[in-house]
């Protein structure tokens, strides 16, 4: 299996406190499942139809591992903390 990249874009942040609570605990779950952050934060430059959205990019050993992380009880607890604090778009792509 090939590596997989997970891209999370925050379409809308509704509750900064919920997002901060989520951001304080979620990275540990990524690390536990062997994921590595490539980028986190807001764009430093935009082109074409780029949006000023918080974006997180991680790489995983495989789609299976990435989905194990996403579906894990540890990460589901993080999602409970985030709750309705943000509207996000999550994509898993083959790493090239």
PDB file of N, CA and C in Angstrom:
ATOM      1  N   UNK A   1       0.840  -1.199   0.000  1.00  0.00           N
ATOM      2  CA  UNK A   1       0.000   0.000   0.000  1.00  0.00           C
ATOM      3  C   UNK A   1       0.878   1.253   0.000  1.00  0.00           C
ATOM      4  N   UNK A   2       0.371   2.284  -0.625  1.00  0.00           N
ATOM      5  CA  UNK A   2       1.111   3.536  -0.663  1.00  0.00           C
ATOM      6  C   UNK A   2       0.688   4.441   0.492  1.00  0.00           C
ATOM      7  N   UNK A   3       1.538   5.395   0.781  1.00  0.00           N
ATOM      8  CA  UNK A   3       1.221   6.371   1.822  1.00  0.00           C
ATOM      9  C   UNK A   3       0.020   7.204   1.397  1.00  0.00           C
ATOM     10  N   UNK A   4      -0.625   7.795   2.400  1.00  0.00           N
ATOM     11  CA  UNK A   4      -1.814   8.603   2.170  1.00  0.00           C
ATOM     12  C   UNK A   4      -1.638   9.944   2.864  1.00  0.00           C
ATOM     13  N   UNK A   5      -2.114  10.983   2.199  1.00  0.00           N
ATOM     14  CA  UNK A   5      -2.111  12.333   2.772  1.00  0.00           C
ATOM     15  C   UNK A   5      -3.541  12.678   3.153  1.00  0.00           C
ATOM     16  N   UNK A   6      -3.706  13.234   4.342  1.00  0.00           N
ATOM     17  CA  UNK A   6      -5.008  13.700   4.810  1.00  0.00           C
ATOM     18  C   UNK A   6      -4.975  15.223   4.826  1.00  0.00           C
ATOM     19  N   UNK A   7      -5.929  15.839   4.155  1.00  0.00           N
ATOM     20  CA  UNK A   7      -6.023  17.299   4.111  1.00  0.00           C
ATOM     21  C   UNK A   7      -7.341  17.703   4.760  1.00  0.00           C
ATOM     22  N   UNK A   8      -7.241  18.534   5.776  1.00  0.00           N
ATOM     23  CA  UNK A   8      -8.417  19.035   6.488  1.00  0.00           C
ATOM     24  C   UNK A   8      -8.473  20.544   6.284  1.00  0.00           C
ATOM     25  N   UNK A   9      -9.570  21.035   5.723  1.00  0.00           N
ATOM     26  CA  UNK A   9      -9.769  22.477   5.603  1.00  0.00           C
ATOM     27  C   UNK A   9     -10.963  22.872   6.464  1.00  0.00           C
ATOM     28  N   UNK A  10     -10.794  23.961   7.152  1.00  0.00           N
ATOM     29  CA  UNK A  10     -11.841  24.478   8.029  1.00  0.00           C
ATOM     30  C   UNK A  10     -12.643  25.504   7.247  1.00  0.00           C
ATOM     31  N   UNK A  11     -13.816  25.095   6.800  1.00  0.00           N
ATOM     32  CA  UNK A  11     -14.675  25.960   5.998  1.00  0.00           C
ATOM     33  C   UNK A  11     -15.263  27.090   6.834  1.00  0.00           C
ATOM     34  N   UNK A  12     -15.521  26.791   8.104  1.00  0.00           N
ATOM     35  CA  UNK A  12     -16.050  27.808   9.011  1.00  0.00           C
ATOM     36  C   UNK A  12     -15.681  27.418  10.434  1.00  0.00           C
ATOM     37  N   UNK A  13     -15.163  28.369  11.185  1.00  0.00           N
ATOM     38  CA  UNK A  13     -14.902  28.160  12.604  1.00  0.00           C
ATOM     39  C   UNK A  13     -16.006  28.883  13.364  1.00  0.00           C
ATOM     40  N   UNK A  14     -16.789  28.113  14.084  1.00  0.00           N
ATOM     41  CA  UNK A  14     -17.968  28.636  14.764  1.00  0.00           C
ATOM     42  C   UNK A  14     -17.657  28.981  16.219  1.00  0.00           C
ATOM     43  N   UNK A  15     -16.824  28.156  16.862  1.00  0.00           N
ATOM     44  CA  UNK A  15     -16.522  28.331  18.279  1.00  0.00           C
ATOM     45  C   UNK A  15     -15.024  28.145  18.502  1.00  0.00           C
ATOM     46  N   UNK A  16     -14.313  29.259  18.687  1.00  0.00           N
ATOM     47  CA  UNK A  16     -12.853  29.232  18.870  1.00  0.00           C
ATOM     48  C   UNK A  16     -12.447  28.419  20.097  1.00  0.00           C
ATOM     49  N   UNK A  17     -13.244  28.450  21.153  1.00  0.00           N
ATOM     50  CA  UNK A  17     -12.898  27.712  22.371  1.00  0.00           C
ATOM     51  C   UNK A  17     -12.973  26.209  22.139  1.00  0.00           C
ATOM     52  N   UNK A  18     -13.988  25.754  21.436  1.00  0.00           N
ATOM     53  CA  UNK A  18     -14.089  24.329  21.116  1.00  0.00           C
ATOM     54  C   UNK A  18     -12.938  23.909  20.213  1.00  0.00           C
ATOM     55  N   UNK A  19     -12.599  24.742  19.247  1.00  0.00           N
ATOM     56  CA  UNK A  19     -11.480  24.429  18.354  1.00  0.00           C
ATOM     57  C   UNK A  19     -10.176  24.354  19.141  1.00  0.00           C
ATOM     58  N   UNK A  20      -9.963  25.278  20.053  1.00  0.00           N
ATOM     59  CA  UNK A  20      -8.740  25.273  20.862  1.00  0.00           C
ATOM     60  C   UNK A  20      -8.666  24.017  21.731  1.00  0.00           C
ATOM     61  N   UNK A  21      -9.791  23.614  22.309  1.00  0.00           N
ATOM     62  CA  UNK A  21      -9.810  22.398  23.131  1.00  0.00           C
ATOM     63  C   UNK A  21      -9.501  21.167  22.279  1.00  0.00           C
ATOM     64  N   UNK A  22     -10.068  21.126  21.087  1.00  0.00           N
ATOM     65  CA  UNK A  22      -9.808  20.032  20.153  1.00  0.00           C
ATOM     66  C   UNK A  22      -8.322  20.018  19.748  1.00  0.00           C
ATOM     67  N   UNK A  23      -7.803  21.182  19.389  1.00  0.00           N
ATOM     68  CA  UNK A  23      -6.417  21.286  18.925  1.00  0.00           C
ATOM     69  C   UNK A  23      -5.414  20.926  20.021  1.00  0.00           C
ATOM     70  N   UNK A  24      -5.821  21.031  21.265  1.00  0.00           N
ATOM     71  CA  UNK A  24      -4.934  20.683  22.375  1.00  0.00           C
ATOM     72  C   UNK A  24      -4.792  19.164  22.538  1.00  0.00           C
ATOM     73  N   UNK A  25      -5.773  18.393  22.069  1.00  0.00           N
ATOM     74  CA  UNK A  25      -5.726  16.947  22.287  1.00  0.00           C
ATOM     75  C   UNK A  25      -5.605  16.105  21.011  1.00  0.00           C
ATOM     76  N   UNK A  26      -6.052  16.606  19.892  1.00  0.00           N
ATOM     77  CA  UNK A  26      -6.069  15.805  18.662  1.00  0.00           C
ATOM     78  C   UNK A  26      -4.679  15.430  18.142  1.00  0.00           C
ATOM     79  N   UNK A  27      -3.672  16.320  18.185  1.00  0.00           N
ATOM     80  CA  UNK A  27      -2.365  15.935  17.642  1.00  0.00           C
ATOM     81  C   UNK A  27      -1.764  14.682  18.271  1.00  0.00           C
ATOM     82  N   UNK A  28      -2.023  14.454  19.542  1.00  0.00           N
ATOM     83  CA  UNK A  28      -1.493  13.253  20.196  1.00  0.00           C
ATOM     84  C   UNK A  28      -2.067  11.987  19.571  1.00  0.00           C
ATOM     85  N   UNK A  29      -3.315  12.045  19.108  1.00  0.00           N
ATOM     86  CA  UNK A  29      -3.911  10.865  18.473  1.00  0.00           C
ATOM     87  C   UNK A  29      -3.276  10.609  17.113  1.00  0.00           C
ATOM     88  N   UNK A  30      -2.962  11.674  16.392  1.00  0.00           N
ATOM     89  CA  UNK A  30      -2.281  11.532  15.097  1.00  0.00           C
ATOM     90  C   UNK A  30      -0.938  10.844  15.316  1.00  0.00           C
ATOM     91  N   UNK A  31      -0.178  11.314  16.283  1.00  0.00           N
ATOM     92  CA  UNK A  31       1.134  10.741  16.568  1.00  0.00           C
ATOM     93  C   UNK A  31       1.023   9.291  17.033  1.00  0.00           C
ATOM     94  N   UNK A  32       0.017   8.990  17.860  1.00  0.00           N
ATOM     95  CA  UNK A  32      -0.168   7.621  18.358  1.00  0.00           C
ATOM     96  C   UNK A  32      -0.354   6.633  17.213  1.00  0.00           C
ATOM     97  N   UNK A  33      -1.041   7.064  16.163  1.00  0.00           N
ATOM     98  CA  UNK A  33      -1.300   6.185  15.025  1.00  0.00           C
ATOM     99  C   UNK A  33      -0.246   6.328  13.923  1.00  0.00           C
ATOM    100  N   UNK A  34       0.845   6.993  14.221  1.00  0.00           N
ATOM    101  CA  UNK A  34       1.965   7.066  13.288  1.00  0.00           C
ATOM    102  C   UNK A  34       1.851   8.133  12.219  1.00  0.00           C
ATOM    103  N   UNK A  35       0.882   9.030  12.351  1.00  0.00           N
ATOM    104  CA  UNK A  35       0.746  10.118  11.387  1.00  0.00           C
ATOM    105  C   UNK A  35       1.778  11.203  11.645  1.00  0.00           C
ATOM    106  N   UNK A  36       2.127  11.930  10.604  1.00  0.00           N
ATOM    107  CA  UNK A  36       3.094  13.031  10.704  1.00  0.00           C
ATOM    108  C   UNK A  36       2.491  14.280  10.072  1.00  0.00           C
ATOM    109  N   UNK A  37       2.560  15.380  10.812  1.00  0.00           N
ATOM    110  CA  UNK A  37       2.058  16.646  10.281  1.00  0.00           C
ATOM    111  C   UNK A  37       3.046  17.215   9.274  1.00  0.00           C
ATOM    112  N   UNK A  38       2.512  17.644   8.140  1.00  0.00           N
ATOM    113  CA  UNK A  38       3.312  18.341   7.134  1.00  0.00           C
ATOM    114  C   UNK A  38       3.074  19.842   7.213  1.00  0.00           C
ATOM    115  N   UNK A  39       1.849  20.237   7.581  1.00  0.00           N
ATOM    116  CA  UNK A  39       1.516  21.664   7.685  1.00  0.00           C
ATOM    117  C   UNK A  39       0.279  21.823   8.555  1.00  0.00           C
ATOM    118  N   UNK A  40       0.239  22.930   9.311  1.00  0.00           N
ATOM    119  CA  UNK A  40      -0.940  23.289  10.111  1.00  0.00           C
ATOM    120  C   UNK A  40      -1.001  24.801  10.187  1.00  0.00           C
ATOM    121  N   UNK A  41      -2.174  25.360   9.987  1.00  0.00           N
ATOM    122  CA  UNK A  41      -2.344  26.791  10.152  1.00  0.00           C
ATOM    123  C   UNK A  41      -3.066  27.425   8.980  1.00  0.00           C
ATOM    124  N   UNK A  42      -2.802  28.714   8.824  1.00  0.00           N
ATOM    125  CA  UNK A  42      -3.437  29.494   7.754  1.00  0.00           C
ATOM    126  C   UNK A  42      -2.441  29.707   6.622  1.00  0.00           C
ATOM    127  N   UNK A  43      -2.930  29.831   5.386  1.00  0.00           N
ATOM    128  CA  UNK A  43      -2.033  30.054   4.249  1.00  0.00           C
ATOM    129  C   UNK A  43      -1.178  31.304   4.433  1.00  0.00           C
ATOM    130  N   UNK A  44       0.060  31.212   4.000  1.00  0.00           N
ATOM    131  CA  UNK A  44       0.944  32.379   4.027  1.00  0.00           C
ATOM    132  C   UNK A  44       0.852  33.154   2.718  1.00  0.00           C
ATOM    133  N   UNK A  45       0.250  32.550   1.700  1.00  0.00           N
ATOM    134  CA  UNK A  45       0.003  33.220   0.420  1.00  0.00           C
ATOM    135  C   UNK A  45      -1.144  32.491  -0.278  1.00  0.00           C
ATOM    136  N   UNK A  46      -1.886  33.218  -1.068  1.00  0.00           N
ATOM    137  CA  UNK A  46      -3.005  32.644  -1.821  1.00  0.00           C
ATOM    138  C   UNK A  46      -2.880  32.998  -3.291  1.00  0.00           C
ATOM    139  N   UNK A  47      -3.318  32.109  -4.150  1.00  0.00           N
ATOM    140  CA  UNK A  47      -3.356  32.351  -5.587  1.00  0.00           C
ATOM    141  C   UNK A  47      -4.653  31.782  -6.139  1.00  0.00           C
ATOM    142  N   UNK A  48      -5.025  32.246  -7.315  1.00  0.00           N
ATOM    143  CA  UNK A  48      -6.222  31.813  -8.034  1.00  0.00           C
ATOM    144  C   UNK A  48      -7.434  31.894  -7.112  1.00  0.00           C
ATOM    145  N   UNK A  49      -8.135  30.808  -6.825  1.00  0.00           N
ATOM    146  CA  UNK A  49      -9.324  30.912  -5.973  1.00  0.00           C
ATOM    147  C   UNK A  49      -9.043  30.427  -4.546  1.00  0.00           C
ATOM    148  N   UNK A  50      -7.786  30.534  -4.105  1.00  0.00           N
ATOM    149  CA  UNK A  50      -7.401  30.116  -2.760  1.00  0.00           C
ATOM    150  C   UNK A  50      -8.215  30.821  -1.687  1.00  0.00           C
ATOM    151  N   UNK A  51      -8.509  30.106  -0.621  1.00  0.00           N
ATOM    152  CA  UNK A  51      -9.299  30.640   0.479  1.00  0.00           C
ATOM    153  C   UNK A  51      -8.436  30.748   1.735  1.00  0.00           C
ATOM    154  N   UNK A  52      -8.676  31.763   2.511  1.00  0.00           N
ATOM    155  CA  UNK A  52      -7.965  31.955   3.773  1.00  0.00           C
ATOM    156  C   UNK A  52      -8.612  31.056   4.837  1.00  0.00           C
ATOM    157  N   UNK A  53      -8.325  29.739   4.743  1.00  0.00           N
ATOM    158  CA  UNK A  53      -8.911  28.747   5.632  1.00  0.00           C
ATOM    159  C   UNK A  53      -7.810  28.048   6.426  1.00  0.00           C
ATOM    160  N   UNK A  54      -8.100  27.794   7.692  1.00  0.00           N
ATOM    161  CA  UNK A  54      -7.185  26.958   8.464  1.00  0.00           C
ATOM    162  C   UNK A  54      -7.104  25.611   7.753  1.00  0.00           C
ATOM    163  N   UNK A  55      -5.887  25.093   7.597  1.00  0.00           N
ATOM    164  CA  UNK A  55      -5.660  23.847   6.882  1.00  0.00           C
ATOM    165  C   UNK A  55      -4.667  22.994   7.653  1.00  0.00           C
ATOM    166  N   UNK A  56      -4.921  21.695   7.677  1.00  0.00           N
ATOM    167  CA  UNK A  56      -4.019  20.743   8.321  1.00  0.00           C
ATOM    168  C   UNK A  56      -3.712  19.655   7.298  1.00  0.00           C
ATOM    169  N   UNK A  57      -2.430  19.302   7.170  1.00  0.00           N
ATOM    170  CA  UNK A  57      -2.004  18.257   6.245  1.00  0.00           C
ATOM    171  C   UNK A  57      -1.158  17.248   7.016  1.00  0.00           C
ATOM    172  N   UNK A  58      -1.566  15.977   6.948  1.00  0.00           N
ATOM    173  CA  UNK A  58      -0.840  14.887   7.608  1.00  0.00           C
ATOM    174  C   UNK A  58      -0.533  13.803   6.587  1.00  0.00           C
ATOM    175  N   UNK A  59       0.499  13.014   6.863  1.00  0.00           N
ATOM    176  CA  UNK A  59       0.802  11.857   6.022  1.00  0.00           C
ATOM    177  C   UNK A  59       0.743  10.610   6.900  1.00  0.00           C
ATOM    178  N   UNK A  60       0.209   9.536   6.304  1.00  0.00           N
ATOM    179  CA  UNK A  60       0.030   8.255   6.982  1.00  0.00           C
ATOM    180  C   UNK A  60       0.690   7.157   6.164  1.00  0.00           C
ATOM    181  N   UNK A  61       1.027   6.058   6.812  1.00  0.00           N
ATOM    182  CA  UNK A  61       1.658   4.930   6.120  1.00  0.00           C
ATOM    183  C   UNK A  61       0.731   4.284   5.098  1.00  0.00           C
ATOM    184  N   UNK A  62      -0.591   4.338   5.341  1.00  0.00           N
ATOM    185  CA  UNK A  62      -1.551   3.737   4.415  1.00  0.00           C
ATOM    186  C   UNK A  62      -2.933   4.300   4.711  1.00  0.00           C
ATOM    187  N   UNK A  63      -3.853   4.075   3.788  1.00  0.00           N
ATOM    188  CA  UNK A  63      -5.232   4.478   4.014  1.00  0.00           C
ATOM    189  C   UNK A  63      -5.819   3.708   5.192  1.00  0.00           C
ATOM    190  N   UNK A  64      -5.465   2.423   5.310  1.00  0.00           N
ATOM    191  CA  UNK A  64      -5.970   1.629   6.429  1.00  0.00           C
ATOM    192  C   UNK A  64      -5.601   2.264   7.769  1.00  0.00           C
ATOM    193  N   UNK A  65      -4.356   2.679   7.912  1.00  0.00           N
ATOM    194  CA  UNK A  65      -3.905   3.287   9.169  1.00  0.00           C
ATOM    195  C   UNK A  65      -4.614   4.626   9.386  1.00  0.00           C
ATOM    196  N   UNK A  66      -4.736   5.422   8.326  1.00  0.00           N
ATOM    197  CA  UNK A  66      -5.411   6.719   8.446  1.00  0.00           C
ATOM    198  C   UNK A  66      -6.852   6.541   8.895  1.00  0.00           C
ATOM    199  N   UNK A  67      -7.534   5.552   8.339  1.00  0.00           N
ATOM    200  CA  UNK A  67      -8.927   5.318   8.717  1.00  0.00           C
ATOM    201  C   UNK A  67      -9.031   4.710  10.116  1.00  0.00           C
ATOM    202  N   UNK A  68      -8.055   3.886  10.508  1.00  0.00           N
ATOM    203  CA  UNK A  68      -8.028   3.384  11.888  1.00  0.00           C
ATOM    204  C   UNK A  68      -7.935   4.545  12.871  1.00  0.00           C
ATOM    205  N   UNK A  69      -7.079   5.519  12.546  1.00  0.00           N
ATOM    206  CA  UNK A  69      -6.967   6.716  13.396  1.00  0.00           C
ATOM    207  C   UNK A  69      -8.302   7.451  13.441  1.00  0.00           C
ATOM    208  N   UNK A  70      -8.864   7.749  12.275  1.00  0.00           N
ATOM    209  CA  UNK A  70     -10.096   8.542  12.230  1.00  0.00           C
ATOM    210  C   UNK A  70     -11.229   7.862  12.999  1.00  0.00           C
ATOM    211  N   UNK A  71     -11.320   6.560  12.899  1.00  0.00           N
ATOM    212  CA  UNK A  71     -12.409   5.819  13.531  1.00  0.00           C
ATOM    213  C   UNK A  71     -12.099   5.377  14.959  1.00  0.00           C
ATOM    214  N   UNK A  72     -10.885   5.655  15.446  1.00  0.00           N
ATOM    215  CA  UNK A  72     -10.489   5.215  16.786  1.00  0.00           C
ATOM    216  C   UNK A  72     -11.312   5.909  17.870  1.00  0.00           C
ATOM    217  N   UNK A  73     -11.424   5.246  18.998  1.00  0.00           N
ATOM    218  CA  UNK A  73     -12.149   5.847  20.124  1.00  0.00           C
ATOM    219  C   UNK A  73     -11.454   7.116  20.603  1.00  0.00           C
ATOM    220  N   UNK A  74     -10.116   7.142  20.532  1.00  0.00           N
ATOM    221  CA  UNK A  74      -9.375   8.331  20.965  1.00  0.00           C
ATOM    222  C   UNK A  74      -9.722   9.548  20.095  1.00  0.00           C
ATOM    223  N   UNK A  75      -9.748   9.342  18.775  1.00  0.00           N
ATOM    224  CA  UNK A  75     -10.045  10.476  17.907  1.00  0.00           C
ATOM    225  C   UNK A  75     -11.520  10.847  17.965  1.00  0.00           C
ATOM    226  N   UNK A  76     -12.378   9.867  18.137  1.00  0.00           N
ATOM    227  CA  UNK A  76     -13.809  10.176  18.263  1.00  0.00           C
ATOM    228  C   UNK A  76     -14.066  11.046  19.491  1.00  0.00           C
ATOM    229  N   UNK A  77     -13.289  10.836  20.558  1.00  0.00           N
ATOM    230  CA  UNK A  77     -13.390  11.709  21.728  1.00  0.00           C
ATOM    231  C   UNK A  77     -12.988  13.140  21.367  1.00  0.00           C
ATOM    232  N   UNK A  78     -11.972  13.279  20.526  1.00  0.00           N
ATOM    233  CA  UNK A  78     -11.559  14.614  20.063  1.00  0.00           C
ATOM    234  C   UNK A  78     -12.683  15.271  19.268  1.00  0.00           C
ATOM    235  N   UNK A  79     -13.322  14.496  18.412  1.00  0.00           N
ATOM    236  CA  UNK A  79     -14.435  15.036  17.626  1.00  0.00           C
ATOM    237  C   UNK A  79     -15.591  15.453  18.522  1.00  0.00           C
ATOM    238  N   UNK A  80     -15.806  14.705  19.607  1.00  0.00           N
ATOM    239  CA  UNK A  80     -16.842  15.098  20.566  1.00  0.00           C
ATOM    240  C   UNK A  80     -16.516  16.444  21.196  1.00  0.00           C
ATOM    241  N   UNK A  81     -15.229  16.675  21.487  1.00  0.00           N
ATOM    242  CA  UNK A  81     -14.801  17.950  22.062  1.00  0.00           C
ATOM    243  C   UNK A  81     -15.019  19.077  21.053  1.00  0.00           C
ATOM    244  N   UNK A  82     -14.688  18.838  19.787  1.00  0.00           N
ATOM    245  CA  UNK A  82     -14.899  19.845  18.744  1.00  0.00           C
ATOM    246  C   UNK A  82     -16.379  20.103  18.536  1.00  0.00           C
ATOM    247  N   UNK A  83     -17.167  19.027  18.552  1.00  0.00           N
ATOM    248  CA  UNK A  83     -18.619  19.164  18.406  1.00  0.00           C
ATOM    249  C   UNK A  83     -18.998  19.997  17.199  1.00  0.00           C
ATOM    250  N   UNK A  84     -19.823  21.015  17.431  1.00  0.00           N
ATOM    251  CA  UNK A  84     -20.268  21.893  16.347  1.00  0.00           C
ATOM    252  C   UNK A  84     -19.415  23.148  16.253  1.00  0.00           C
ATOM    253  N   UNK A  85     -18.185  23.060  16.730  1.00  0.00           N
ATOM    254  CA  UNK A  85     -17.302  24.228  16.748  1.00  0.00           C
ATOM    255  C   UNK A  85     -16.709  24.611  15.408  1.00  0.00           C
ATOM    256  N   UNK A  86     -16.808  23.720  14.414  1.00  0.00           N
ATOM    257  CA  UNK A  86     -16.230  24.026  13.100  1.00  0.00           C
ATOM    258  C   UNK A  86     -16.904  23.174  12.034  1.00  0.00           C
ATOM    259  N   UNK A  87     -16.915  23.709  10.823  1.00  0.00           N
ATOM    260  CA  UNK A  87     -17.342  22.970   9.640  1.00  0.00           C
ATOM    261  C   UNK A  87     -16.073  22.676   8.855  1.00  0.00           C
ATOM    262  N   UNK A  88     -15.804  21.378   8.637  1.00  0.00           N
ATOM    263  CA  UNK A  88     -14.549  20.992   8.008  1.00  0.00           C
ATOM    264  C   UNK A  88     -14.777  20.132   6.784  1.00  0.00           C
ATOM    265  N   UNK A  89     -13.775  20.106   5.926  1.00  0.00           N
ATOM    266  CA  UNK A  89     -13.736  19.234   4.761  1.00  0.00           C
ATOM    267  C   UNK A  89     -12.497  18.366   4.937  1.00  0.00           C
ATOM    268  N   UNK A  90     -12.664  17.044   4.919  1.00  0.00           N
ATOM    269  CA  UNK A  90     -11.545  16.122   5.119  1.00  0.00           C
ATOM    270  C   UNK A  90     -11.407  15.248   3.882  1.00  0.00           C
ATOM    271  N   UNK A  91     -10.174  15.205   3.368  1.00  0.00           N
ATOM    272  CA  UNK A  91      -9.881  14.396   2.176  1.00  0.00           C
ATOM    273  C   UNK A  91      -8.677  13.522   2.456  1.00  0.00           C
ATOM    274  N   UNK A  92      -8.712  12.286   1.928  1.00  0.00           N
ATOM    275  CA  UNK A  92      -7.566  11.385   1.967  1.00  0.00           C
ATOM    276  C   UNK A  92      -7.119  11.168   0.525  1.00  0.00           C
ATOM    277  N   UNK A  93      -5.857  11.430   0.249  1.00  0.00           N
ATOM    278  CA  UNK A  93      -5.319  11.329  -1.113  1.00  0.00           C
ATOM    279  C   UNK A  93      -4.099  10.422  -1.139  1.00  0.00           C
ATOM    280  N   UNK A  94      -3.906   9.733  -2.255  1.00  0.00           N
ATOM    281  CA  UNK A  94      -2.671   8.954  -2.425  1.00  0.00           C
ATOM    282  C   UNK A  94      -1.484   9.908  -2.402  1.00  0.00           C
ATOM    283  N   UNK A  95      -0.446   9.512  -1.684  1.00  0.00           N
ATOM    284  CA  UNK A  95       0.804  10.284  -1.629  1.00  0.00           C
ATOM    285  C   UNK A  95       1.635   9.920  -2.851  1.00  0.00           C
ATOM    286  N   UNK A  96       2.163  10.926  -3.524  1.00  0.00           N
ATOM    287  CA  UNK A  96       2.981  10.632  -4.714  1.00  0.00           C
ATOM    288  C   UNK A  96       4.432  10.990  -4.465  1.00  0.00           C
TER     289      UNK A  96
END
